[in-house]
Amino acid sequence: MPQYQELKRQLTDAPLYEPTADDDEDTFLAAVKPWNGPVDGRVLLDEIVAVFNRHMDLPKGATEALALWVMHSHAHDAAQHSPILFISSPTKRCGKTNLLSVLQLLVPKPLSAANVTPATVFRSIDLWKPTLLIDEADTFISEKSELRGVLNSGHRRSQAHVLRCVGDNNIPTPFSTWCPKAFAAIGRLDPTLEDRSIIIELRRKLKTVSVVRVPVRDDAYEELRRKAARWAEDHMTLLEEADPKVPDALSDRARDNWTPLLAIAEIAGGDWPDRAAISARQLSSRDDDEGEAEMLLQDLRAIFARKKADSLWTDTIVEALVEIEDRPWAEFRRGQPITAHALSRLLKPFNVFPRKIRLDGAQVKRSGYERERLEPVWRRYIDGDSTCKQTGRTGQREQKQRLKVGRNQARR
């Protein structure tokens, strides 16, 4: 309705972008001009893989996932789900910003940002429909629940909007949050964002590995970008109707994340369906039911067994957790190790709390945990004791909700 459109226009009281006389309005986030002729999807995907290999040292499966995600960004409106591309590293100088720079040369309408507000995000998406590239996400996203809600809402197309009251009459008005999004961060993001992501875990490049610097020209890979736009345009209907085969190893959420990428691989043909499936298994075949809380229970049982202890001080447990390889405890929050406070918050949903205990003839009691209080929890959540296990979907949902609350609290 004209009334609503006028109210929506009024929302730009402080415009995000105001062209000046020196600006070229046709170039700011301009739509990509499709290539003049038909494009072979297999060849194009191989060429995009070559670009990433030229400029980055990437883990197994990452180049295929990145190439497919680039194509997804061009065919975005054909998808029902939009996976976030989360680029993570344990520390600085691992190539996160460089990878975002390569993506910027390949995706449509790239909009780079760092430290954005919720209003900036949904106004920008609604106005420009960009590909959102956010760097240093670890420095601000996890602490802003409203921003996380805006970003999470953009995962499923049918729910990709937020409501805000606009104008003097406070008319509720929807703003779209539907666009491709890529984040780069040190360490981890909030679990709700990671759950909606395809995660690329970078590591620092060895000195023996040689890569080419990322071009500074914005049109360095314009031909590839135009070919991707043409391929997406020609195959939009097929992509909308696609029902690709998804690896059984993926969880339900991971299936949602990978379906649009697997559809692209299937339609491109050749060896790409197999390559995409392998990439999905390599990057996302984690059990979504084994969250951090469940991992913690398993690791606590192993620590108590290894030390043959009935009770352990909290600092002893924390030190043992940090030493475990292939677990998140050494870089639990913003690249920092798990703390005693985070440990207690993860265990709180299980009704396990630290107590003052005396060990090894010590004169002073210190905070610690006792095996007898953990054993019932181990039986229930690790062994699956039938006398303790909740049954039915309602019970499963309640368990998962309690664990999710514990994980979120531990990261605060």
Protein backbone atom coordinates (compact mmCIF):
# COMPACT_ATOMS: atom_id res chain seq x y z
CA MET A 1 0.00 0.00 0.00
CA PRO A 2 1.29 3.52 -0.76
CA GLN A 3 0.85 4.49 2.90
CA TYR A 4 3.17 1.71 4.05
CA GLN A 5 5.72 2.43 1.32
CA GLU A 6 5.83 6.09 2.30
CA LEU A 7 6.31 5.19 5.95
CA LYS A 8 9.07 2.82 4.99
CA ARG A 9 10.76 5.57 3.01
CA GLN A 10 10.63 7.80 6.08
CA LEU A 11 12.77 5.30 7.95
CA THR A 12 15.84 6.65 6.17
CA ASP A 13 16.02 9.67 8.48
CA ALA A 14 19.74 9.02 8.67
CA PRO A 15 20.48 7.57 5.21
CA LEU A 16 22.88 4.68 4.95
CA TYR A 17 24.19 6.05 1.68
CA GLU A 18 23.70 9.51 0.25
CA PRO A 19 25.14 9.95 -3.27
CA THR A 20 27.19 13.07 -3.86
CA ALA A 21 27.90 14.87 -7.08
CA ASP A 22 31.17 12.94 -7.42
CA ASP A 23 29.57 9.50 -6.96
CA ASP A 24 28.69 7.18 -9.80
CA GLU A 25 25.27 5.97 -8.70
CA ASP A 26 25.32 3.20 -11.30
CA THR A 27 28.33 1.44 -9.75
CA PHE A 28 27.45 1.32 -6.04
CA LEU A 29 26.22 -2.25 -5.41
CA ALA A 30 25.17 -2.49 -9.03
CA ALA A 31 23.67 -5.75 -10.26
CA VAL A 32 26.08 -8.02 -12.12
CA LYS A 33 25.64 -7.97 -15.89
CA PRO A 34 25.23 -11.63 -16.96
CA TRP A 35 27.65 -13.14 -19.45
CA ASN A 36 26.55 -12.90 -23.13
CA GLY A 37 26.37 -16.65 -23.80
CA PRO A 38 25.59 -19.99 -22.15
CA VAL A 39 27.98 -21.11 -19.41
CA ASP A 40 29.16 -24.62 -18.53
CA GLY A 41 28.60 -24.93 -14.77
CA ARG A 42 31.24 -27.63 -14.31
CA VAL A 43 33.95 -25.57 -15.96
CA LEU A 44 32.92 -22.45 -14.08
CA LEU A 45 33.05 -24.19 -10.70
CA ASP A 46 36.50 -25.56 -11.51
CA GLU A 47 37.66 -22.05 -12.42
CA ILE A 48 36.35 -20.63 -9.15
CA VAL A 49 38.11 -23.42 -7.22
CA ALA A 50 41.32 -22.45 -9.01
CA VAL A 51 40.90 -18.84 -7.84
CA PHE A 52 40.61 -19.87 -4.20
CA ASN A 53 43.59 -22.22 -4.49
CA ARG A 54 45.61 -19.46 -6.13
CA HIS A 55 45.17 -17.06 -3.22
CA MET A 56 44.55 -19.24 -0.16
CA ASP A 57 45.89 -22.26 1.71
CA LEU A 58 42.65 -24.02 2.59
CA PRO A 59 41.63 -27.21 4.44
CA LYS A 60 40.19 -30.25 2.66
CA GLY A 61 36.73 -29.71 1.24
CA ALA A 62 36.86 -25.94 1.63
CA THR A 63 37.52 -24.96 -1.99
CA GLU A 64 34.51 -26.94 -3.24
CA ALA A 65 32.28 -25.46 -0.53
CA LEU A 66 33.47 -21.94 -1.30
CA ALA A 67 32.94 -22.31 -5.04
CA LEU A 68 29.42 -23.67 -4.50
CA TRP A 69 28.62 -20.91 -2.01
CA VAL A 70 29.72 -18.29 -4.54
CA MET A 71 27.33 -19.80 -7.07
CA HIS A 72 24.64 -19.91 -4.38
CA SER A 73 25.08 -16.17 -3.81
CA HIS A 74 24.23 -15.57 -7.47
CA ALA A 75 21.28 -17.98 -7.43
CA HIS A 76 20.19 -16.99 -3.95
CA ASP A 77 16.51 -16.41 -4.69
CA ALA A 78 16.12 -20.00 -5.91
CA ALA A 79 16.93 -21.38 -2.44
CA GLN A 80 14.69 -21.99 0.56
CA HIS A 81 17.58 -21.79 3.03
CA SER A 82 20.58 -19.48 3.03
CA PRO A 83 23.59 -20.90 4.91
CA ILE A 84 25.95 -18.42 6.50
CA LEU A 85 29.53 -18.91 5.37
CA PHE A 86 31.49 -18.75 8.64
CA ILE A 87 35.26 -18.32 8.23
CA SER A 88 36.96 -19.17 11.52
CA SER A 89 40.53 -19.31 12.75
CA PRO A 90 42.18 -19.96 16.12
CA THR A 91 44.25 -16.76 15.99
CA LYS A 92 45.08 -13.79 13.78
CA ARG A 93 47.03 -13.89 10.49
CA CYS A 94 45.35 -17.05 9.23
CA GLY A 95 43.85 -15.46 6.10
CA LYS A 96 40.27 -14.63 7.14
CA THR A 97 40.31 -11.11 5.71
CA ASN A 98 42.08 -12.32 2.56
CA LEU A 99 39.38 -14.94 2.02
CA LEU A 100 36.67 -12.30 2.42
CA SER A 101 38.57 -10.20 -0.14
CA VAL A 102 38.54 -13.07 -2.65
CA LEU A 103 34.82 -13.56 -2.06
CA GLN A 104 34.28 -9.85 -2.64
CA LEU A 105 35.65 -10.24 -6.16
CA LEU A 106 33.30 -13.12 -7.01
CA VAL A 107 29.93 -12.58 -5.33
CA PRO A 108 27.17 -10.22 -6.50
CA LYS A 109 26.77 -6.80 -4.87
CA PRO A 110 29.33 -7.32 -2.08
CA LEU A 111 28.83 -5.12 0.97
CA SER A 112 31.75 -5.30 3.39
CA ALA A 113 31.30 -4.22 7.00
CA ALA A 114 32.63 -4.58 10.53
CA ASN A 115 30.84 -3.76 13.78
CA VAL A 116 27.36 -3.15 12.40
CA THR A 117 24.11 -2.42 14.23
CA PRO A 118 20.88 -4.40 13.82
CA ALA A 119 19.18 -1.48 12.07
CA THR A 120 22.08 -1.07 9.65
CA VAL A 121 21.86 -4.75 8.73
CA PHE A 122 18.16 -5.03 8.00
CA ARG A 123 17.94 -1.60 6.33
CA SER A 124 20.87 -2.45 4.07
CA ILE A 125 19.46 -5.86 3.14
CA ASP A 126 15.99 -4.49 2.50
CA LEU A 127 17.30 -1.58 0.43
CA TRP A 128 20.12 -3.14 -1.59
CA LYS A 129 19.80 -6.97 -1.37
CA PRO A 130 23.60 -7.28 -1.09
CA THR A 131 25.96 -10.11 -0.29
CA LEU A 132 26.90 -9.20 3.28
CA LEU A 133 30.57 -9.74 4.19
CA ILE A 134 31.26 -9.12 7.89
CA ASP A 135 34.81 -9.18 9.24
CA GLU A 136 35.87 -9.40 12.90
CA ALA A 137 32.47 -10.81 13.82
CA ASP A 138 33.89 -12.16 17.10
CA THR A 139 34.35 -8.62 18.43
CA PHE A 140 30.68 -7.67 18.50
CA ILE A 141 28.08 -10.20 17.30
CA SER A 142 28.08 -12.58 20.28
CA GLU A 143 27.36 -9.72 22.71
CA LYS A 144 24.38 -8.33 20.77
CA SER A 145 21.30 -10.51 21.06
CA GLU A 146 19.19 -8.27 18.82
CA LEU A 147 21.76 -8.44 16.05
CA ARG A 148 21.98 -12.22 16.38
CA GLY A 149 18.20 -12.39 16.05
CA VAL A 150 18.28 -10.33 12.86
CA LEU A 151 21.03 -12.47 11.34
CA ASN A 152 19.41 -15.76 12.41
CA SER A 153 16.11 -14.73 10.86
CA GLY A 154 17.70 -14.67 7.40
CA HIS A 155 18.36 -18.41 7.31
CA ARG A 156 14.96 -19.57 6.07
CA ARG A 157 13.39 -17.67 3.19
CA SER A 158 9.81 -17.85 4.49
CA GLN A 159 10.91 -16.32 7.82
CA ALA A 160 13.56 -13.88 6.55
CA HIS A 161 12.17 -10.62 7.84
CA VAL A 162 11.96 -8.50 10.96
CA LEU A 163 9.16 -6.17 12.04
CA ARG A 164 9.80 -2.62 13.14
CA CYS A 165 7.39 0.21 13.93
CA VAL A 166 7.78 3.05 11.46
CA GLY A 167 6.61 6.65 11.31
CA ASP A 168 4.68 8.84 13.68
CA ASN A 169 1.88 6.26 13.86
CA ASN A 170 4.28 3.37 14.64
CA ILE A 171 2.97 1.21 11.82
CA PRO A 172 4.50 -2.32 12.03
CA THR A 173 6.51 -2.73 8.84
CA PRO A 174 8.43 -5.80 7.60
CA PHE A 175 12.06 -5.50 6.52
CA SER A 176 13.76 -8.28 4.60
CA THR A 177 16.78 -10.11 6.05
CA TRP A 178 17.12 -12.43 3.05
CA CYS A 179 20.58 -12.19 1.50
CA PRO A 180 23.83 -14.21 1.32
CA LYS A 181 26.02 -13.63 4.38
CA ALA A 182 29.64 -14.46 5.15
CA PHE A 183 31.30 -13.83 8.52
CA ALA A 184 34.95 -14.00 9.57
CA ALA A 185 35.97 -14.37 13.21
CA ILE A 186 38.67 -15.58 15.57
CA GLY A 187 37.36 -18.50 17.58
CA ARG A 188 33.68 -19.35 17.73
CA LEU A 189 30.36 -17.58 17.23
CA ASP A 190 27.12 -17.97 19.14
CA PRO A 191 25.83 -21.56 18.72
CA THR A 192 22.64 -20.35 17.01
CA LEU A 193 24.69 -18.69 14.27
CA GLU A 194 27.11 -21.60 13.91
CA ASP A 195 24.15 -23.96 13.59
CA ARG A 196 23.07 -22.00 10.51
CA SER A 197 26.56 -21.95 9.01
CA ILE A 198 28.92 -23.84 6.78
CA ILE A 199 32.17 -23.44 8.68
CA ILE A 200 35.57 -23.01 7.04
CA GLU A 201 38.29 -23.45 9.67
CA LEU A 202 41.47 -21.72 8.52
CA ARG A 203 44.94 -22.27 9.90
CA ARG A 204 48.08 -20.18 9.53
CA LYS A 205 49.91 -20.81 6.27
CA LEU A 206 53.28 -22.53 6.48
CA LYS A 207 56.26 -20.58 5.13
CA THR A 208 56.83 -23.37 2.61
CA VAL A 209 53.38 -22.77 1.06
CA SER A 210 53.24 -20.11 -1.62
CA VAL A 211 50.10 -18.23 -2.66
CA VAL A 212 49.43 -15.21 -4.87
CA ARG A 213 48.34 -11.94 -3.30
CA VAL A 214 44.68 -11.04 -3.72
CA PRO A 215 44.21 -8.52 -6.56
CA VAL A 216 43.32 -4.98 -5.52
CA ARG A 217 41.24 -4.29 -8.63
CA ASP A 218 37.52 -4.79 -8.10
CA ASP A 219 37.11 -6.22 -11.61
CA ALA A 220 39.94 -8.76 -11.37
CA TYR A 221 37.50 -11.67 -11.69
CA GLU A 222 34.61 -9.86 -13.34
CA GLU A 223 34.38 -12.46 -16.11
CA LEU A 224 33.83 -15.23 -13.58
CA ARG A 225 31.29 -13.13 -11.72
CA ARG A 226 29.37 -12.43 -14.94
CA LYS A 227 29.45 -16.11 -15.90
CA ALA A 228 28.11 -17.09 -12.49
CA ALA A 229 25.28 -14.60 -12.91
CA ARG A 230 24.45 -16.03 -16.35
CA TRP A 231 24.53 -19.65 -15.15
CA ALA A 232 22.24 -18.79 -12.23
CA GLU A 233 19.85 -16.92 -14.51
CA ASP A 234 19.64 -19.84 -16.95
CA HIS A 235 19.10 -22.48 -14.25
CA MET A 236 16.87 -20.64 -11.78
CA THR A 237 13.82 -22.81 -12.41
CA LEU A 238 15.80 -26.04 -12.12
CA LEU A 239 17.35 -24.85 -8.87
CA GLU A 240 13.95 -23.92 -7.43
CA GLU A 241 12.64 -27.43 -8.17
CA ALA A 242 15.81 -29.33 -7.22
CA ASP A 243 15.73 -32.05 -4.57
CA PRO A 244 19.37 -33.14 -4.35
CA LYS A 245 20.63 -36.22 -2.55
CA VAL A 246 22.05 -35.23 0.83
CA PRO A 247 24.67 -37.34 2.69
CA ASP A 248 23.20 -39.32 5.58
CA ALA A 249 26.00 -38.13 7.86
CA LEU A 250 24.55 -34.61 7.97
CA SER A 251 22.24 -33.47 10.75
CA ASP A 252 18.88 -31.90 9.96
CA ARG A 253 20.22 -28.34 10.16
CA ALA A 254 23.30 -29.23 8.12
CA ARG A 255 21.00 -30.74 5.48
CA ASP A 256 19.19 -27.39 5.25
CA ASN A 257 22.52 -25.58 4.95
CA TRP A 258 23.90 -27.83 2.23
CA THR A 259 20.78 -28.44 0.12
CA PRO A 260 21.14 -25.30 -2.06
CA LEU A 261 24.84 -26.03 -2.63
CA LEU A 262 24.23 -29.69 -3.43
CA ALA A 263 21.49 -28.65 -5.85
CA ILE A 264 23.98 -26.46 -7.72
CA ALA A 265 26.48 -29.32 -7.87
CA GLU A 266 23.85 -31.76 -9.11
CA ILE A 267 22.70 -29.46 -11.91
CA ALA A 268 26.28 -28.56 -12.88
CA GLY A 269 26.94 -32.30 -13.29
CA GLY A 270 30.18 -34.11 -13.98
CA ASP A 271 32.06 -35.04 -10.81
CA TRP A 272 30.61 -32.13 -8.88
CA PRO A 273 27.81 -34.03 -7.11
CA ASP A 274 30.41 -36.38 -5.63
CA ARG A 275 32.82 -33.56 -4.79
CA ALA A 276 30.05 -31.58 -3.09
CA ALA A 277 28.95 -34.58 -1.03
CA ILE A 278 32.52 -35.25 0.09
CA SER A 279 32.94 -31.58 1.03
CA ALA A 280 29.70 -31.64 3.03
CA ARG A 281 30.83 -34.68 4.98
CA GLN A 282 34.29 -33.23 5.61
CA LEU A 283 33.02 -29.87 6.85
CA SER A 284 29.64 -30.56 8.42
CA SER A 285 29.26 -34.22 9.41
CA ARG A 286 29.14 -33.42 13.11
CA ASP A 287 26.42 -34.79 15.33
CA ASP A 288 24.29 -31.80 16.24
CA ASP A 289 23.11 -33.64 19.36
CA GLU A 290 26.69 -33.81 20.65
CA GLY A 291 27.01 -30.18 21.64
CA GLU A 292 29.55 -28.69 23.96
CA ALA A 293 27.70 -29.81 27.09
CA GLU A 294 27.69 -33.44 25.96
CA MET A 295 31.34 -33.27 24.95
CA LEU A 296 32.13 -31.86 28.38
CA LEU A 297 30.43 -34.79 30.11
CA GLN A 298 32.42 -37.27 28.04
CA ASP A 299 35.68 -35.47 28.73
CA LEU A 300 34.97 -35.17 32.46
CA ARG A 301 34.37 -38.90 32.68
CA ALA A 302 37.68 -39.55 30.89
CA ILE A 303 39.54 -37.13 33.19
CA PHE A 304 38.15 -38.69 36.37
CA ALA A 305 38.97 -42.18 35.05
CA ARG A 306 42.52 -41.24 34.02
CA LYS A 307 43.27 -39.65 37.37
CA LYS A 308 41.46 -42.42 39.27
CA ALA A 309 39.86 -39.75 41.42
CA ASP A 310 36.61 -39.48 43.33
CA SER A 311 36.94 -35.69 43.55
CA LEU A 312 38.91 -33.09 41.60
CA TRP A 313 39.54 -29.40 42.09
CA THR A 314 38.07 -27.12 39.46
CA ASP A 315 41.42 -25.74 38.30
CA THR A 316 42.71 -29.30 37.83
CA ILE A 317 39.70 -30.08 35.61
CA VAL A 318 40.12 -26.87 33.59
CA GLU A 319 43.81 -27.59 32.98
CA ALA A 320 43.01 -31.15 31.86
CA LEU A 321 40.26 -29.95 29.51
CA VAL A 322 42.52 -27.40 27.83
CA GLU A 323 45.10 -30.11 27.13
CA ILE A 324 42.65 -32.28 25.14
CA GLU A 325 43.26 -32.04 21.39
CA ASP A 326 40.41 -31.74 18.86
CA ARG A 327 38.09 -30.25 21.48
CA PRO A 328 36.96 -26.62 21.80
CA TRP A 329 38.20 -26.07 25.36
CA ALA A 330 41.57 -24.50 24.47
CA GLU A 331 39.87 -21.81 22.35
CA PHE A 332 36.45 -21.82 23.93
CA ARG A 333 35.50 -18.14 23.77
CA ARG A 334 37.11 -15.59 21.48
CA GLY A 335 40.15 -17.81 21.19
CA GLN A 336 40.60 -18.02 24.98
CA PRO A 337 40.55 -21.22 27.11
CA ILE A 338 37.51 -22.38 29.03
CA THR A 339 37.24 -20.91 32.53
CA ALA A 340 35.92 -22.24 35.84
CA HIS A 341 32.90 -19.95 35.42
CA ALA A 342 32.11 -21.31 31.93
CA LEU A 343 32.54 -24.87 33.24
CA SER A 344 29.98 -24.30 35.97
CA ARG A 345 27.50 -22.75 33.54
CA LEU A 346 27.77 -25.70 31.16
CA LEU A 347 27.10 -28.13 34.01
CA LYS A 348 24.28 -26.09 35.57
CA PRO A 349 21.51 -27.52 33.32
CA PHE A 350 22.46 -30.98 34.62
CA ASN A 351 22.07 -29.81 38.23
CA VAL A 352 25.78 -30.34 38.84
CA PHE A 353 27.43 -27.58 40.85
CA PRO A 354 30.92 -27.03 42.28
CA ARG A 355 31.44 -27.65 46.00
CA LYS A 356 34.15 -26.79 48.48
CA ILE A 357 36.26 -29.93 48.89
CA ARG A 358 39.56 -30.86 50.56
CA LEU A 359 42.03 -33.05 48.68
CA ASP A 360 45.46 -34.57 49.31
CA GLY A 361 45.59 -33.50 52.94
CA ALA A 362 45.25 -29.82 52.00
CA GLN A 363 44.42 -27.52 54.89
CA VAL A 364 42.07 -25.34 52.83
CA LYS A 365 38.97 -26.39 50.96
CA ARG A 366 38.76 -25.35 47.31
CA SER A 367 36.11 -25.41 44.60
CA GLY A 368 35.78 -28.79 42.92
CA TYR A 369 33.53 -31.54 41.58
CA GLU A 370 32.72 -35.02 42.89
CA ARG A 371 32.36 -38.20 40.88
CA GLU A 372 29.24 -39.32 42.75
CA ARG A 373 27.36 -36.23 41.57
CA LEU A 374 28.47 -36.72 37.97
CA GLU A 375 27.85 -40.45 37.62
CA PRO A 376 24.01 -40.21 37.36
CA VAL A 377 24.44 -37.57 34.64
CA TRP A 378 26.94 -39.74 32.77
CA ARG A 379 24.50 -42.66 32.86
CA ARG A 380 21.62 -40.52 31.63
CA TYR A 381 23.32 -38.57 28.85
CA ILE A 382 26.25 -40.74 27.78
CA ASP A 383 25.24 -44.33 28.47
CA GLY A 384 21.56 -43.81 27.70
CA ASP A 385 20.36 -45.61 30.84
CA SER A 386 16.79 -46.69 30.10
CA THR A 387 15.78 -46.02 33.69
CA CYS A 388 16.79 -42.38 33.37
CA LYS A 389 16.18 -41.56 29.72
CA GLN A 390 13.22 -39.36 28.83
CA THR A 391 10.98 -40.74 26.14
CA GLY A 392 8.94 -39.10 23.43
CA ARG A 393 9.56 -36.02 21.34
CA THR A 394 8.50 -33.68 24.13
CA GLY A 395 11.19 -35.01 26.43
CA GLN A 396 13.83 -34.77 23.71
CA ARG A 397 12.91 -31.18 23.01
CA GLU A 398 13.08 -30.34 26.71
CA GLN A 399 16.54 -31.90 26.99
CA LYS A 400 17.85 -30.04 23.94
CA GLN A 401 16.41 -26.75 25.17
CA ARG A 402 18.11 -27.15 28.56
CA LEU A 403 21.44 -27.93 26.90
CA LYS A 404 21.11 -24.97 24.53
CA VAL A 405 20.46 -22.63 27.45
CA GLY A 406 23.57 -23.95 29.19
CA ARG A 407 25.73 -23.47 26.09
CA ASN A 408 24.49 -19.93 25.55
CA GLN A 409 25.03 -18.97 29.20
CA ALA A 410 28.55 -20.38 29.17
CA ARG A 411 29.52 -18.08 26.30
CA ARG A 412 28.28 -14.90 27.94
